[in-house]
Protein backbone atom coordinates (compact mmCIF):
# COMPACT_ATOMS: atom_id res chain seq x y z
CA MET A 1 0.00 0.00 0.00
CA SER A 2 1.28 3.46 -0.82
CA SER A 3 1.18 6.15 1.85
CA TYR A 4 -2.02 6.08 3.85
CA PHE A 5 -3.74 7.49 6.91
CA LEU A 6 -4.05 5.25 9.96
CA TYR A 7 -7.13 6.32 11.93
CA ALA A 8 -7.92 5.04 15.44
CA GLU A 9 -11.61 5.79 16.01
CA ASP A 10 -14.42 3.91 17.75
CA ASP A 11 -17.26 6.06 16.36
CA ALA A 12 -18.51 4.58 13.06
CA ASP A 13 -20.21 7.86 12.10
CA ASP A 14 -16.92 9.79 12.32
CA ILE A 15 -15.18 7.13 10.23
CA ASP A 16 -17.94 7.27 7.60
CA ILE A 17 -17.85 11.08 7.38
CA LEU A 18 -14.07 11.19 7.00
CA GLN A 19 -14.21 8.41 4.40
CA ASP A 20 -16.88 10.34 2.46
CA VAL A 21 -14.74 13.49 2.47
CA LEU A 22 -11.69 11.45 1.44
CA ASN A 23 -13.60 9.93 -1.48
CA ILE A 24 -14.17 13.34 -3.09
CA HIS A 25 -10.80 14.95 -2.34
CA SER A 26 -8.32 15.14 -5.22
CA LYS A 27 -5.27 14.50 -2.99
CA ALA A 28 -6.90 11.88 -0.81
CA LYS A 29 -4.91 9.06 0.72
CA PRO A 30 -6.27 5.61 1.45
CA MET A 31 -7.34 5.15 5.07
CA VAL A 32 -6.97 2.19 7.38
CA CYS A 33 -9.21 2.29 10.47
CA VAL A 34 -8.81 0.54 13.79
CA GLU A 35 -11.07 0.76 16.84
CA ASN A 36 -8.53 1.58 19.56
CA GLY A 37 -4.92 2.35 20.36
CA PHE A 38 -4.06 -1.26 21.07
CA LEU A 39 -5.16 -2.30 17.57
CA LEU A 40 -3.27 0.66 16.07
CA LEU A 41 -0.03 -0.49 17.70
CA GLN A 42 -0.76 -4.05 16.59
CA HIS A 43 -1.23 -2.82 13.00
CA LEU A 44 2.12 -1.01 13.09
CA GLN A 45 3.90 -4.04 14.54
CA GLN A 46 2.62 -6.19 11.67
CA ILE A 47 4.22 -3.97 9.01
CA LYS A 48 7.05 -5.92 7.44
CA THR A 49 10.43 -4.55 6.40
CA GLY A 50 10.11 -2.67 3.14
CA GLU A 51 6.39 -2.03 3.52
CA THR A 52 5.09 1.49 3.88
CA TYR A 53 4.25 3.02 7.22
CA PRO A 54 1.31 5.42 7.43
CA CYS A 55 2.06 8.99 6.39
CA LEU A 56 -0.17 10.23 9.24
CA ILE A 57 -1.67 8.68 12.36
CA ILE A 58 -4.97 10.17 13.49
CA LEU A 59 -5.91 9.34 17.07
CA ASP A 60 -9.28 9.91 18.65
CA ALA A 61 -8.48 10.98 22.20
CA LYS A 62 -11.30 8.99 23.79
CA LEU A 63 -10.67 5.40 22.71
CA PRO A 64 -11.47 2.20 24.60
CA LYS A 65 -8.66 -0.09 25.88
CA LEU A 66 -5.81 2.31 25.10
CA ASN A 67 -6.86 5.93 24.65
CA GLY A 68 -5.36 8.36 22.18
CA ILE A 69 -3.01 10.08 24.60
CA GLU A 70 -1.68 6.78 25.98
CA THR A 71 -1.19 5.58 22.42
CA LEU A 72 0.61 8.82 21.51
CA GLN A 73 2.98 8.39 24.44
CA LEU A 74 3.83 4.85 23.31
CA LEU A 75 4.31 5.93 19.68
CA LYS A 76 6.63 8.80 20.54
CA SER A 77 8.74 6.64 22.86
CA ASP A 78 9.35 4.02 20.15
CA ASP A 79 12.22 4.55 17.69
CA MET A 80 10.26 2.77 14.93
CA TYR A 81 7.25 5.07 15.07
CA CYS A 82 8.34 8.34 16.69
CA LEU A 83 8.82 10.15 13.36
CA ILE A 84 5.35 9.39 11.99
CA PRO A 85 3.26 12.58 12.24
CA VAL A 86 0.38 12.25 14.70
CA VAL A 87 -2.80 14.29 15.11
CA VAL A 88 -4.92 13.87 18.20
CA PHE A 89 -8.49 14.35 17.07
CA SER A 90 -11.02 15.18 19.77
CA SER A 91 -14.17 17.03 20.58
CA LYS A 92 -12.98 17.94 24.06
CA LEU A 93 -9.58 17.78 25.75
CA SER A 94 -8.33 19.38 28.92
CA ASP A 95 -5.68 22.09 28.67
CA ALA A 96 -3.23 19.71 30.35
CA ASP A 97 -3.89 17.00 27.75
CA ILE A 98 -3.49 19.51 24.90
CA GLN A 99 -0.18 20.66 26.39
CA LEU A 100 1.01 17.04 26.77
CA CYS A 101 0.13 16.25 23.15
CA LYS A 102 2.06 19.28 21.93
CA GLN A 103 5.05 18.40 24.13
CA LEU A 104 5.05 14.96 22.52
CA GLY A 105 5.07 16.54 19.06
CA ALA A 106 1.45 15.93 18.08
CA ASP A 107 -1.03 18.49 16.89
CA VAL A 108 -4.51 18.65 18.39
CA ILE A 109 -7.47 19.23 16.09
CA ASP A 110 -11.03 19.62 17.28
CA LYS A 111 -13.51 17.29 15.63
CA PRO A 112 -15.53 19.20 13.05
CA SER A 113 -19.24 19.79 13.49
CA SER A 114 -20.10 20.48 9.83
CA TYR A 115 -19.26 18.95 6.48
CA VAL A 116 -17.35 22.07 5.40
CA GLN A 117 -15.24 21.84 8.56
CA TRP A 118 -14.56 18.15 7.80
CA GLN A 119 -13.24 19.19 4.38
CA ALA A 120 -10.94 21.79 5.96
CA THR A 121 -9.75 19.22 8.49
CA LEU A 122 -8.93 16.79 5.71
CA ASP A 123 -6.89 19.52 4.01
CA ARG A 124 -4.87 19.81 7.24
CA PHE A 125 -4.39 16.03 7.38
CA ILE A 126 -3.14 16.03 3.79
CA SER A 127 -0.73 18.88 4.57
CA TYR A 128 0.89 16.69 7.27
CA ALA A 129 1.20 13.82 4.84
CA ASP A 130 2.87 16.08 2.25
CA GLU A 131 5.56 17.33 4.63
């Protein structure tokens, strides 16, 4: 698979909306979805030598089993994954959590509430992938 987004999200509606926006975007990347941080780490560990890592990891902050911030901490402490850009995607985070995400090198983006905002958010995701 060429470069792709890896999205950890447990809300099927959010996955569907982002997939819809991806389907109409000219610079869209394929997207692989997992339901929690544990499955995201498992996905990364199954990537074989020579295969492509995701160009961007998108983490919902409020995930079951291993939440987005815990997953971010594990990603950034691992030499294999620490350079993959990460966005923490949430509808509500505390100031302390936002600060921690930024200290770990991740951006924090509020979940959009309208289709137009979803399109703008996707543009931001693509800008990370193009860096």
